[in-house]
Each structure stands twice: as structure tokens, then as C-alpha cells.
Amino acid sequence: MEKYVCTLCGYVYDPAEGDPDNNVEPGTSFEDVPEDWVCPLCGAGKEDFELE
């Protein structure tokens, strides 16, 4: 699965790790992350992420 990076702060969403602190289980592709999910570092929306 592909990693996505926040264009505002550089946080990398890795599908293998997910974001358990925000209820995104490991193994969740970026496309399947809820639309209301935000970057855990800076609060940017999914629209501010791009393919790494």
C-alpha cells in the first residue's frame, strides 16, 4: 500500500501502521481512511496529503 505525506507538516501516513490513536486500524489504505480524519500532527484534512 502507498504512503501519503502531509504537504503542510511532513507527517507520513503509513497504511501498515494506520493511526490507532485516531481509530484508524493498521492495514487501512489512505483511500479508506474516513473523510473527516485529520493529520495527527497539524490538523490538516485529507485534501492536504499527496502520494509520497
PDB file of N, CA and C in Angstrom:
ATOM      1  N   MET A   1       0.836  -1.191   0.000  1.00  0.00           N
ATOM      2  CA  MET A   1       0.000   0.000   0.000  1.00  0.00           C
ATOM      3  C   MET A   1       0.877   1.249   0.000  1.00  0.00           C
ATOM      4  N   GLU A   2       0.325   2.302  -0.574  1.00  0.00           N
ATOM      5  CA  GLU A   2       1.102   3.522  -0.759  1.00  0.00           C
ATOM      6  C   GLU A   2       1.017   4.439   0.460  1.00  0.00           C
ATOM      7  N   LYS A   3       2.128   5.134   0.718  1.00  0.00           N
ATOM      8  CA  LYS A   3       2.196   6.099   1.809  1.00  0.00           C
ATOM      9  C   LYS A   3       1.822   7.480   1.272  1.00  0.00           C
ATOM     10  N   TYR A   4       1.221   8.284   2.128  1.00  0.00           N
ATOM     11  CA  TYR A   4       0.845   9.655   1.781  1.00  0.00           C
ATOM     12  C   TYR A   4       1.479  10.599   2.783  1.00  0.00           C
ATOM     13  N   VAL A   5       1.907  11.781   2.286  1.00  0.00           N
ATOM     14  CA  VAL A   5       2.583  12.751   3.142  1.00  0.00           C
ATOM     15  C   VAL A   5       1.761  14.036   3.215  1.00  0.00           C
ATOM     16  N   CYS A   6       1.703  14.612   4.420  1.00  0.00           N
ATOM     17  CA  CYS A   6       1.018  15.885   4.629  1.00  0.00           C
ATOM     18  C   CYS A   6       1.873  16.988   4.018  1.00  0.00           C
ATOM     19  N   THR A   7       1.274  17.769   3.117  1.00  0.00           N
ATOM     20  CA  THR A   7       2.031  18.834   2.453  1.00  0.00           C
ATOM     21  C   THR A   7       2.279  20.022   3.377  1.00  0.00           C
ATOM     22  N   LEU A   8       1.602  20.058   4.513  1.00  0.00           N
ATOM     23  CA  LEU A   8       1.781  21.181   5.436  1.00  0.00           C
ATOM     24  C   LEU A   8       2.861  20.931   6.478  1.00  0.00           C
ATOM     25  N   CYS A   9       2.932  19.692   7.016  1.00  0.00           N
ATOM     26  CA  CYS A   9       3.894  19.457   8.103  1.00  0.00           C
ATOM     27  C   CYS A   9       4.856  18.303   7.847  1.00  0.00           C
ATOM     28  N   GLY A  10       4.599  17.487   6.819  1.00  0.00           N
ATOM     29  CA  GLY A  10       5.512  16.396   6.512  1.00  0.00           C
ATOM     30  C   GLY A  10       5.170  15.065   7.153  1.00  0.00           C
ATOM     31  N   TYR A  11       4.080  14.993   7.934  1.00  0.00           N
ATOM     32  CA  TYR A  11       3.655  13.724   8.532  1.00  0.00           C
ATOM     33  C   TYR A  11       3.383  12.713   7.421  1.00  0.00           C
ATOM     34  N   VAL A  12       3.856  11.485   7.618  1.00  0.00           N
ATOM     35  CA  VAL A  12       3.640  10.435   6.628  1.00  0.00           C
ATOM     36  C   VAL A  12       2.612   9.445   7.166  1.00  0.00           C
ATOM     37  N   TYR A  13       1.515   9.283   6.400  1.00  0.00           N
ATOM     38  CA  TYR A  13       0.532   8.259   6.742  1.00  0.00           C
ATOM     39  C   TYR A  13       1.000   6.962   6.106  1.00  0.00           C
ATOM     40  N   ASP A  14       1.301   5.985   6.955  1.00  0.00           N
ATOM     41  CA  ASP A  14       1.751   4.666   6.508  1.00  0.00           C
ATOM     42  C   ASP A  14       0.609   3.682   6.757  1.00  0.00           C
ATOM     43  N   PRO A  15       0.010   3.130   5.686  1.00  0.00           N
ATOM     44  CA  PRO A  15      -1.112   2.202   5.867  1.00  0.00           C
ATOM     45  C   PRO A  15      -0.776   1.004   6.743  1.00  0.00           C
ATOM     46  N   ALA A  16       0.469   0.567   6.757  1.00  0.00           N
ATOM     47  CA  ALA A  16       0.858  -0.575   7.583  1.00  0.00           C
ATOM     48  C   ALA A  16       0.706  -0.248   9.068  1.00  0.00           C
ATOM     49  N   GLU A  17       0.853   1.033   9.434  1.00  0.00           N
ATOM     50  CA  GLU A  17       0.738   1.459  10.823  1.00  0.00           C
ATOM     51  C   GLU A  17      -0.631   2.030  11.142  1.00  0.00           C
ATOM     52  N   GLY A  18      -1.301   2.613  10.140  1.00  0.00           N
ATOM     53  CA  GLY A  18      -2.577   3.282  10.383  1.00  0.00           C
ATOM     54  C   GLY A  18      -2.387   4.460  11.320  1.00  0.00           C
ATOM     55  N   ASP A  19      -3.428   4.799  12.050  1.00  0.00           N
ATOM     56  CA  ASP A  19      -3.378   5.868  13.055  1.00  0.00           C
ATOM     57  C   ASP A  19      -4.267   5.426  14.217  1.00  0.00           C
ATOM     58  N   PRO A  20      -3.793   4.416  14.977  1.00  0.00           N
ATOM     59  CA  PRO A  20      -4.613   3.841  16.051  1.00  0.00           C
ATOM     60  C   PRO A  20      -5.120   4.852  17.073  1.00  0.00           C
ATOM     61  N   ASP A  21      -4.356   5.913  17.318  1.00  0.00           N
ATOM     62  CA  ASP A  21      -4.782   6.923  18.289  1.00  0.00           C
ATOM     63  C   ASP A  21      -6.054   7.631  17.826  1.00  0.00           C
ATOM     64  N   ASN A  22      -6.310   7.589  16.522  1.00  0.00           N
ATOM     65  CA  ASN A  22      -7.486   8.249  15.948  1.00  0.00           C
ATOM     66  C   ASN A  22      -8.417   7.250  15.263  1.00  0.00           C
ATOM     67  N   ASN A  23      -8.417   6.031  15.767  1.00  0.00           N
ATOM     68  CA  ASN A  23      -9.342   4.980  15.326  1.00  0.00           C
ATOM     69  C   ASN A  23      -9.181   4.546  13.875  1.00  0.00           C
ATOM     70  N   VAL A  24      -7.944   4.626  13.347  1.00  0.00           N
ATOM     71  CA  VAL A  24      -7.665   4.092  12.011  1.00  0.00           C
ATOM     72  C   VAL A  24      -6.753   2.879  12.212  1.00  0.00           C
ATOM     73  N   GLU A  25      -7.312   1.710  11.964  1.00  0.00           N
ATOM     74  CA  GLU A  25      -6.603   0.462  12.223  1.00  0.00           C
ATOM     75  C   GLU A  25      -5.423   0.259  11.266  1.00  0.00           C
ATOM     76  N   PRO A  26      -4.344  -0.400  11.732  1.00  0.00           N
ATOM     77  CA  PRO A  26      -3.260  -0.780  10.828  1.00  0.00           C
ATOM     78  C   PRO A  26      -3.826  -1.592   9.660  1.00  0.00           C
ATOM     79  N   GLY A  27      -3.286  -1.371   8.477  1.00  0.00           N
ATOM     80  CA  GLY A  27      -3.759  -2.065   7.291  1.00  0.00           C
ATOM     81  C   GLY A  27      -4.821  -1.286   6.520  1.00  0.00           C
ATOM     82  N   THR A  28      -5.153  -0.075   6.989  1.00  0.00           N
ATOM     83  CA  THR A  28      -6.169   0.748   6.320  1.00  0.00           C
ATOM     84  C   THR A  28      -5.508   1.603   5.247  1.00  0.00           C
ATOM     85  N   SER A  29      -5.914   1.406   3.984  1.00  0.00           N
ATOM     86  CA  SER A  29      -5.358   2.220   2.899  1.00  0.00           C
ATOM     87  C   SER A  29      -5.815   3.670   3.078  1.00  0.00           C
ATOM     88  N   PHE A  30      -5.054   4.598   2.520  1.00  0.00           N
ATOM     89  CA  PHE A  30      -5.394   6.017   2.667  1.00  0.00           C
ATOM     90  C   PHE A  30      -6.780   6.309   2.108  1.00  0.00           C
ATOM     91  N   GLU A  31      -7.134   5.640   1.020  1.00  0.00           N
ATOM     92  CA  GLU A  31      -8.444   5.839   0.404  1.00  0.00           C
ATOM     93  C   GLU A  31      -9.577   5.440   1.349  1.00  0.00           C
ATOM     94  N   ASP A  32      -9.302   4.490   2.250  1.00  0.00           N
ATOM     95  CA  ASP A  32     -10.326   4.003   3.175  1.00  0.00           C
ATOM     96  C   ASP A  32     -10.339   4.726   4.524  1.00  0.00           C
ATOM     97  N   VAL A  33      -9.424   5.674   4.706  1.00  0.00           N
ATOM     98  CA  VAL A  33      -9.425   6.486   5.925  1.00  0.00           C
ATOM     99  C   VAL A  33     -10.663   7.384   5.870  1.00  0.00           C
ATOM    100  N   PRO A  34     -11.393   7.540   6.986  1.00  0.00           N
ATOM    101  CA  PRO A  34     -12.602   8.382   6.970  1.00  0.00           C
ATOM    102  C   PRO A  34     -12.323   9.796   6.447  1.00  0.00           C
ATOM    103  N   GLU A  35     -13.303  10.354   5.739  1.00  0.00           N
ATOM    104  CA  GLU A  35     -13.138  11.686   5.146  1.00  0.00           C
ATOM    105  C   GLU A  35     -12.931  12.771   6.196  1.00  0.00           C
ATOM    106  N   ASP A  36     -13.411  12.552   7.429  1.00  0.00           N
ATOM    107  CA  ASP A  36     -13.266  13.570   8.465  1.00  0.00           C
ATOM    108  C   ASP A  36     -11.976  13.407   9.276  1.00  0.00           C
ATOM    109  N   TRP A  37     -11.144  12.434   8.890  1.00  0.00           N
ATOM    110  CA  TRP A  37      -9.844  12.242   9.556  1.00  0.00           C
ATOM    111  C   TRP A  37      -8.949  13.440   9.247  1.00  0.00           C
ATOM    112  N   VAL A  38      -8.125  13.823  10.212  1.00  0.00           N
ATOM    113  CA  VAL A  38      -7.168  14.916  10.009  1.00  0.00           C
ATOM    114  C   VAL A  38      -5.774  14.477  10.434  1.00  0.00           C
ATOM    115  N   CYS A  39      -4.782  15.162   9.923  1.00  0.00           N
ATOM    116  CA  CYS A  39      -3.387  14.891  10.263  1.00  0.00           C
ATOM    117  C   CYS A  39      -3.225  14.967  11.779  1.00  0.00           C
ATOM    118  N   PRO A  40      -2.647  13.928  12.392  1.00  0.00           N
ATOM    119  CA  PRO A  40      -2.498  13.941  13.857  1.00  0.00           C
ATOM    120  C   PRO A  40      -1.473  14.959  14.361  1.00  0.00           C
ATOM    121  N   LEU A  41      -0.658  15.511  13.471  1.00  0.00           N
ATOM    122  CA  LEU A  41       0.335  16.497  13.905  1.00  0.00           C
ATOM    123  C   LEU A  41      -0.155  17.934  13.758  1.00  0.00           C
ATOM    124  N   CYS A  42      -0.788  18.237  12.611  1.00  0.00           N
ATOM    125  CA  CYS A  42      -1.132  19.641  12.366  1.00  0.00           C
ATOM    126  C   CYS A  42      -2.616  19.881  12.117  1.00  0.00           C
ATOM    127  N   GLY A  43      -3.420  18.826  12.008  1.00  0.00           N
ATOM    128  CA  GLY A  43      -4.849  19.001  11.828  1.00  0.00           C
ATOM    129  C   GLY A  43      -5.299  19.225  10.390  1.00  0.00           C
ATOM    130  N   ALA A  44      -4.387  19.052   9.430  1.00  0.00           N
ATOM    131  CA  ALA A  44      -4.746  19.227   8.016  1.00  0.00           C
ATOM    132  C   ALA A  44      -5.700  18.113   7.573  1.00  0.00           C
ATOM    133  N   GLY A  45      -6.580  18.427   6.629  1.00  0.00           N
ATOM    134  CA  GLY A  45      -7.516  17.444   6.103  1.00  0.00           C
ATOM    135  C   GLY A  45      -6.868  16.533   5.074  1.00  0.00           C
ATOM    136  N   LYS A  46      -7.597  15.494   4.684  1.00  0.00           N
ATOM    137  CA  LYS A  46      -7.070  14.536   3.702  1.00  0.00           C
ATOM    138  C   LYS A  46      -6.679  15.202   2.399  1.00  0.00           C
ATOM    139  N   GLU A  47      -7.347  16.315   2.058  1.00  0.00           N
ATOM    140  CA  GLU A  47      -7.048  17.014   0.808  1.00  0.00           C
ATOM    141  C   GLU A  47      -5.650  17.625   0.796  1.00  0.00           C
ATOM    142  N   ASP A  48      -5.028  17.732   1.975  1.00  0.00           N
ATOM    143  CA  ASP A  48      -3.684  18.292   2.067  1.00  0.00           C
ATOM    144  C   ASP A  48      -2.592  17.224   2.040  1.00  0.00           C
ATOM    145  N   PHE A  49      -2.954  15.993   1.698  1.00  0.00           N
ATOM    146  CA  PHE A  49      -1.986  14.902   1.589  1.00  0.00           C
ATOM    147  C   PHE A  49      -1.752  14.571   0.132  1.00  0.00           C
ATOM    148  N   GLU A  50      -0.523  14.149  -0.168  1.00  0.00           N
ATOM    149  CA  GLU A  50      -0.221  13.691  -1.519  1.00  0.00           C
ATOM    150  C   GLU A  50       0.610  12.411  -1.442  1.00  0.00           C
ATOM    151  N   LEU A  51       0.586  11.667  -2.535  1.00  0.00           N
ATOM    152  CA  LEU A  51       1.324  10.417  -2.615  1.00  0.00           C
ATOM    153  C   LEU A  51       2.796  10.678  -2.384  1.00  0.00           C
ATOM    154  N   GLU A  52       3.407   9.880  -1.515  1.00  0.00           N
ATOM    155  CA  GLU A  52       4.833  10.067  -1.203  1.00  0.00           C
ATOM    156  C   GLU A  52       5.690   9.600  -2.346  1.00  0.00           C
TER     157      GLU A  52
END
